[in-house]
Amino acid sequence: MNFKRLLALILALVMIFTLVGCGKDENPQVSDESTTEEIVEDAVEDITDNIKDTDETEATDENEESTTEIEDEEITSGESDEEKPLSNDPVEWSKEQIVEEYKKAANASHKDTKTKHEVLIKDISVNNGQFEGFFDFIMSIMSKFLEKNTEDKDGITGGYNDLTADDVKSAKAYKVDDKIAIELVMKDQVSGMKEPANSGSVGHAITTVGDISDVVNQFKDLGLPLELNEKATKIYYTNPTVKVLIDDGKIVNGTWKYTVEIRMDDYKAFGKDVKTTSIIMDNILTVNGGFKK
């Protein structure tokens, strides 16, 4: 499922069930779980049917257009390190060299690769836990829904052609039998609500949620008024990692993941003031079952 489409679905459920379904009750109780589950599942289906797929193909398109850039052009970053010949032992590679070898492999693999996308909801909180028990219930249903709607995506994730050693906190490469493993720990990233999916350290390596203003616009079309405070809406990406196994210059296994918190403060939904909403998810992408040592 498209990441931003998922976000739109979660936000719609948050609004509907905290501000409409729960009304003014600050400590709502689920009296009939079977009835409530049916209501939530029906809402999930209705909202999913009406939310349009947002454009998450920008990263893929940009990478396809520039697939040959790394192959055809001389490497320009980290000049002093790249003037050195590449050692046969990847353990001796510099961070700059590791990044460039990753980019070459990503380009070589992009057109022939299928990537599995999985999103795990870890926590939903409105007004610092006001509806905590109710969202535990919704999260269970959402998890089932996500399992049924997991889809493969074409290509290697991320705006990797813009990736540089400055985006990387640490990097290592080593041999696994006759293959080469590369592990990158990216720098954490904080984005606003209108930043492109390929921007920043995490966007370059993995892809972010991207510009979510189009999600807000869709809500207006669906009759779900949402007015986010742009200055008070932040997206936090933590623990971003890339782990791939390369054989004959191509990525044969890989795992890209991070934890993302979408935090919206001081906004309006259905004309009502909401102090804060936090949605925390694990975003995981894998190729051929993921990276395995």
Protein backbone atom coordinates (compact mmCIF):
# COMPACT_ATOMS: atom_id res chain seq x y z
CA MET A 1 0.00 0.00 0.00
CA ASN A 2 1.13 3.53 -0.80
CA PHE A 3 2.69 5.03 2.36
CA LYS A 4 0.86 8.35 2.11
CA ARG A 5 -2.41 6.59 1.33
CA LEU A 6 -1.94 4.61 4.53
CA LEU A 7 -1.25 7.83 6.44
CA ALA A 8 -4.43 9.37 5.04
CA LEU A 9 -6.40 6.34 6.17
CA ILE A 10 -4.95 6.47 9.70
CA LEU A 11 -5.55 10.20 10.02
CA ALA A 12 -9.14 9.81 8.86
CA LEU A 13 -9.77 7.12 11.45
CA VAL A 14 -8.13 9.21 14.16
CA MET A 15 -10.38 12.15 13.36
CA ILE A 16 -13.58 10.16 12.99
CA PHE A 17 -13.30 8.09 16.13
CA THR A 18 -11.89 10.68 18.51
CA LEU A 19 -13.82 13.75 17.42
CA VAL A 20 -17.07 12.24 16.15
CA GLY A 21 -17.48 8.72 17.47
CA CYS A 22 -16.24 9.54 20.97
CA GLY A 23 -17.81 12.96 21.16
CA LYS A 24 -17.01 14.78 24.36
CA ASP A 25 -16.25 11.65 26.39
CA GLU A 26 -12.63 11.93 27.43
CA ASN A 27 -12.48 8.31 28.63
CA PRO A 28 -14.44 6.31 26.03
CA GLN A 29 -15.15 2.65 26.68
CA VAL A 30 -15.70 -0.02 24.03
CA SER A 31 -18.87 -1.71 25.29
CA ASP A 32 -19.39 -4.15 22.42
CA GLU A 33 -16.13 -5.14 20.76
CA SER A 34 -17.75 -7.09 17.94
CA THR A 35 -20.01 -4.18 17.00
CA THR A 36 -17.16 -1.67 17.26
CA GLU A 37 -14.87 -3.87 15.17
CA GLU A 38 -17.52 -4.02 12.44
CA ILE A 39 -17.85 -0.23 12.52
CA VAL A 40 -14.09 0.30 12.28
CA GLU A 41 -13.67 -2.27 9.50
CA ASP A 42 -16.50 -0.67 7.52
CA ALA A 43 -14.87 2.74 7.98
CA VAL A 44 -11.52 1.37 6.83
CA GLU A 45 -13.08 -0.03 3.65
CA ASP A 46 -15.08 3.12 2.91
CA ILE A 47 -12.16 5.48 3.44
CA THR A 48 -9.76 3.27 1.50
CA ASP A 49 -12.14 3.16 -1.45
CA ASN A 50 -12.34 6.96 -1.54
CA ILE A 51 -8.78 8.03 -0.81
CA LYS A 52 -6.82 8.41 -4.03
CA ASP A 53 -3.34 7.01 -4.46
CA THR A 54 -0.97 9.88 -3.82
CA ASP A 55 2.07 10.24 -6.04
CA GLU A 56 4.81 8.13 -4.49
CA THR A 57 6.48 7.42 -7.83
CA GLU A 58 8.71 10.50 -7.86
CA ALA A 59 11.65 8.65 -6.34
CA THR A 60 11.31 5.77 -8.78
CA ASP A 61 10.94 8.03 -11.80
CA GLU A 62 13.92 10.17 -10.86
CA ASN A 63 16.10 7.13 -10.31
CA GLU A 64 15.04 5.58 -13.62
CA GLU A 65 15.89 8.77 -15.49
CA SER A 66 19.34 8.91 -13.93
CA THR A 67 20.15 5.21 -13.78
CA THR A 68 23.28 5.63 -15.87
CA GLU A 69 24.58 8.70 -14.06
CA ILE A 70 26.74 6.82 -11.62
CA GLU A 71 27.98 4.45 -14.31
CA ASP A 72 28.77 7.07 -16.94
CA GLU A 73 30.15 9.92 -14.83
CA GLU A 74 33.27 10.10 -12.75
CA ILE A 75 32.73 9.99 -9.00
CA THR A 76 33.08 13.48 -7.61
CA SER A 77 32.47 13.28 -3.85
CA GLY A 78 35.21 12.45 -1.36
CA GLU A 79 37.92 13.18 -3.92
CA SER A 80 40.95 12.23 -1.82
CA ASP A 81 39.54 8.84 -0.91
CA GLU A 82 38.27 8.06 -4.39
CA GLU A 83 41.65 8.71 -5.95
CA LYS A 84 42.83 5.65 -4.09
CA PRO A 85 42.29 2.34 -5.93
CA LEU A 86 39.41 0.29 -4.57
CA SER A 87 40.81 -2.45 -2.37
CA ASN A 88 39.88 -6.06 -3.02
CA ASP A 89 39.05 -6.25 0.67
CA PRO A 90 35.84 -4.20 1.28
CA VAL A 91 36.73 -3.87 4.97
CA GLU A 92 39.37 -1.36 3.86
CA TRP A 93 36.95 0.83 1.89
CA SER A 94 36.38 4.38 3.11
CA LYS A 95 32.88 5.65 3.88
CA GLU A 96 32.87 7.54 0.57
CA GLN A 97 33.82 4.43 -1.36
CA ILE A 98 31.17 2.33 0.39
CA VAL A 99 28.48 4.88 -0.48
CA GLU A 100 29.55 4.95 -4.14
CA GLU A 101 29.59 1.15 -4.39
CA TYR A 102 26.09 1.07 -2.92
CA LYS A 103 24.87 3.64 -5.44
CA LYS A 104 26.35 1.68 -8.34
CA ALA A 105 24.67 -1.51 -7.16
CA ALA A 106 21.33 0.28 -6.64
CA ASN A 107 21.44 1.68 -10.17
CA ALA A 108 22.40 -1.68 -11.66
CA SER A 109 19.58 -3.43 -9.79
CA HIS A 110 16.76 -0.88 -10.04
CA LYS A 111 14.92 -2.03 -13.16
CA ASP A 112 14.88 -5.72 -12.28
CA THR A 113 13.99 -5.55 -8.58
CA LYS A 114 10.77 -5.98 -6.61
CA THR A 115 10.67 -4.45 -3.14
CA LYS A 116 8.23 -5.54 -0.43
CA HIS A 117 6.85 -2.71 1.70
CA GLU A 118 5.66 -3.27 5.26
CA VAL A 119 4.36 -0.71 7.74
CA LEU A 120 3.90 -1.59 11.41
CA ILE A 121 1.84 0.77 13.56
CA LYS A 122 3.49 1.11 16.97
CA ASP A 123 1.47 3.84 18.64
CA ILE A 124 -1.32 6.36 18.06
CA SER A 125 -1.83 9.07 20.65
CA VAL A 126 -4.25 11.99 20.72
CA ASN A 127 -3.87 14.75 23.32
CA ASN A 128 -1.10 12.84 25.10
CA GLY A 129 -3.00 9.57 25.55
CA GLN A 130 -6.55 10.83 25.99
CA PHE A 131 -8.01 7.94 23.97
CA GLU A 132 -5.27 5.40 24.60
CA GLY A 133 -7.45 2.33 25.17
CA PHE A 134 -9.61 3.00 22.16
CA PHE A 135 -6.64 3.32 19.80
CA ASP A 136 -5.18 0.05 21.03
CA PHE A 137 -8.31 -1.53 19.62
CA ILE A 138 -8.13 0.36 16.31
CA MET A 139 -4.45 -0.49 15.90
CA SER A 140 -5.24 -4.20 16.10
CA ILE A 141 -7.74 -3.91 13.27
CA MET A 142 -5.41 -1.70 11.24
CA SER A 143 -2.62 -4.26 11.58
CA LYS A 144 -4.86 -6.96 10.09
CA PHE A 145 -5.81 -4.61 7.28
CA LEU A 146 -2.17 -3.84 6.49
CA GLU A 147 -1.27 -7.52 6.31
CA LYS A 148 -3.96 -8.05 3.67
CA ASN A 149 -2.87 -5.05 1.59
CA THR A 150 0.91 -5.43 1.44
CA GLU A 151 2.11 -4.98 -2.14
CA ASP A 152 5.43 -5.28 -3.92
CA LYS A 153 6.91 -2.14 -5.45
CA ASP A 154 9.12 -1.84 -8.51
CA GLY A 155 12.76 -0.87 -8.11
CA ILE A 156 15.21 0.01 -5.36
CA THR A 157 13.84 2.49 -2.85
CA GLY A 158 15.18 5.97 -2.15
CA GLY A 159 16.67 8.89 -4.04
CA TYR A 160 20.01 7.10 -3.92
CA ASN A 161 21.65 9.04 -6.73
CA ASP A 162 21.71 12.05 -4.37
CA LEU A 163 23.17 10.03 -1.50
CA THR A 164 26.50 11.28 -0.15
CA ALA A 165 28.83 10.33 2.66
CA ASP A 166 27.54 13.38 4.57
CA ASP A 167 24.15 11.64 4.85
CA VAL A 168 25.72 8.65 6.57
CA LYS A 169 26.50 8.35 10.27
CA SER A 170 28.52 5.16 9.83
CA ALA A 171 29.24 2.64 7.08
CA LYS A 172 30.89 -0.73 6.78
CA ALA A 173 31.48 -3.28 4.04
CA TYR A 174 32.68 -6.84 4.26
CA LYS A 175 32.64 -10.14 2.39
CA VAL A 176 30.03 -12.84 2.85
CA ASP A 177 31.36 -15.84 0.94
CA ASP A 178 31.85 -14.48 -2.58
CA LYS A 179 29.40 -11.58 -2.06
CA ILE A 180 29.81 -8.10 -0.56
CA ALA A 181 27.67 -6.82 2.30
CA ILE A 182 27.16 -3.12 2.87
CA GLU A 183 25.61 -1.64 6.01
CA LEU A 184 24.75 2.05 6.30
CA VAL A 185 23.48 3.84 9.39
CA MET A 186 21.92 7.06 8.17
CA LYS A 187 21.65 10.30 10.07
CA ASP A 188 18.26 10.91 11.69
CA GLN A 189 16.03 13.41 9.91
CA VAL A 190 13.31 15.89 10.85
CA SER A 191 11.05 17.12 8.05
CA GLY A 192 8.16 19.51 7.65
CA MET A 193 4.84 18.57 6.10
CA LYS A 194 5.74 19.80 2.60
CA GLU A 195 9.19 18.32 2.00
CA PRO A 196 9.75 15.97 -0.98
CA ALA A 197 10.05 12.23 -0.42
CA ASN A 198 13.64 12.19 -1.69
CA SER A 199 14.99 15.03 0.45
CA GLY A 200 17.42 14.67 3.33
CA SER A 201 19.57 11.81 4.55
CA VAL A 202 16.65 9.39 4.96
CA GLY A 203 15.01 10.46 1.71
CA HIS A 204 18.23 9.84 -0.20
CA ALA A 205 18.72 6.37 1.25
CA ILE A 206 15.22 5.03 1.92
CA THR A 207 12.45 7.53 0.92
CA THR A 208 10.33 9.49 3.39
CA VAL A 209 6.59 10.07 3.70
CA GLY A 210 7.06 13.18 1.56
CA ASP A 211 4.73 16.15 1.12
CA ILE A 212 1.56 15.35 3.07
CA SER A 213 -0.31 18.53 2.12
CA ASP A 214 -2.02 16.59 -0.67
CA VAL A 215 -3.43 14.24 1.98
CA VAL A 216 -5.00 17.24 3.71
CA ASN A 217 -6.48 18.41 0.40
CA GLN A 218 -8.04 15.00 -0.19
CA PHE A 219 -9.77 15.20 3.17
CA LYS A 220 -11.52 18.38 2.09
CA ASP A 221 -12.82 16.59 -1.01
CA LEU A 222 -14.11 13.74 1.19
CA GLY A 223 -15.87 16.09 3.57
CA LEU A 224 -13.36 15.45 6.36
CA PRO A 225 -12.13 18.97 7.21
CA LEU A 226 -8.57 18.95 8.49
CA GLU A 227 -6.53 22.10 9.01
CA LEU A 228 -2.95 21.29 9.97
CA ASN A 229 -0.65 23.88 11.48
CA GLU A 230 2.28 23.74 9.04
CA LYS A 231 4.79 25.14 11.54
CA ALA A 232 3.65 22.68 14.23
CA THR A 233 3.61 19.59 12.03
CA LYS A 234 6.87 17.64 12.08
CA ILE A 235 7.93 14.21 10.85
CA TYR A 236 10.74 12.52 12.77
CA TYR A 237 12.78 9.70 11.21
CA THR A 238 14.94 7.72 13.64
CA ASN A 239 17.20 4.66 13.44
CA PRO A 240 17.36 4.65 9.61
CA THR A 241 19.47 1.76 8.29
CA VAL A 242 20.32 0.20 4.95
CA LYS A 243 21.70 -3.34 4.72
CA VAL A 244 22.30 -5.00 1.37
CA LEU A 245 24.07 -8.01 -0.06
CA ILE A 246 25.68 -7.44 -3.46
CA ASP A 247 26.56 -10.15 -5.97
CA ASP A 248 28.14 -9.40 -9.34
CA GLY A 249 27.43 -5.67 -8.88
CA LYS A 250 23.73 -6.07 -8.09
CA ILE A 251 21.69 -6.08 -4.89
CA VAL A 252 20.40 -9.60 -4.31
CA ASN A 253 19.07 -9.09 -0.76
CA GLY A 254 18.34 -5.94 1.18
CA THR A 255 16.57 -4.33 4.12
CA TRP A 256 15.81 -0.61 4.42
CA LYS A 257 14.04 0.55 7.57
CA TYR A 258 13.38 3.35 10.05
CA THR A 259 10.91 4.44 12.71
CA VAL A 260 8.80 7.46 11.81
CA GLU A 261 6.76 9.69 14.11
CA ILE A 262 4.28 12.07 12.53
CA ARG A 263 3.49 14.70 15.13
CA MET A 264 0.77 17.28 14.58
CA ASP A 265 0.26 19.98 17.20
CA ASP A 266 -2.34 22.75 17.54
CA TYR A 267 -4.53 21.90 14.56
CA LYS A 268 -8.24 21.67 13.76
CA ALA A 269 -10.30 18.64 12.72
CA PHE A 270 -14.03 19.02 12.03
CA GLY A 271 -13.63 22.57 13.29
CA LYS A 272 -12.48 21.37 16.71
CA ASP A 273 -9.11 22.21 18.26
CA VAL A 274 -6.74 19.31 18.80
CA LYS A 275 -3.73 19.89 21.01
CA THR A 276 -1.53 17.08 19.71
CA THR A 277 -1.62 13.88 17.71
CA SER A 278 1.27 11.46 17.34
CA ILE A 279 1.44 8.48 15.01
CA ILE A 280 4.50 6.19 15.29
CA MET A 281 5.24 3.51 12.69
CA ASP A 282 8.05 1.23 11.61
CA ASN A 283 8.66 1.45 7.86
CA ILE A 284 10.40 -1.63 6.44
CA LEU A 285 11.32 -2.43 2.84
CA THR A 286 12.92 -5.69 1.79
CA VAL A 287 14.29 -7.33 -1.35
CA ASN A 288 14.26 -11.12 -1.62
CA GLY A 289 13.37 -11.66 2.02
CA GLY A 290 15.68 -8.98 3.37
CA PHE A 291 19.30 -8.81 4.45
CA LYS A 292 20.53 -11.97 6.11
CA LYS A 293 24.08 -12.56 7.27
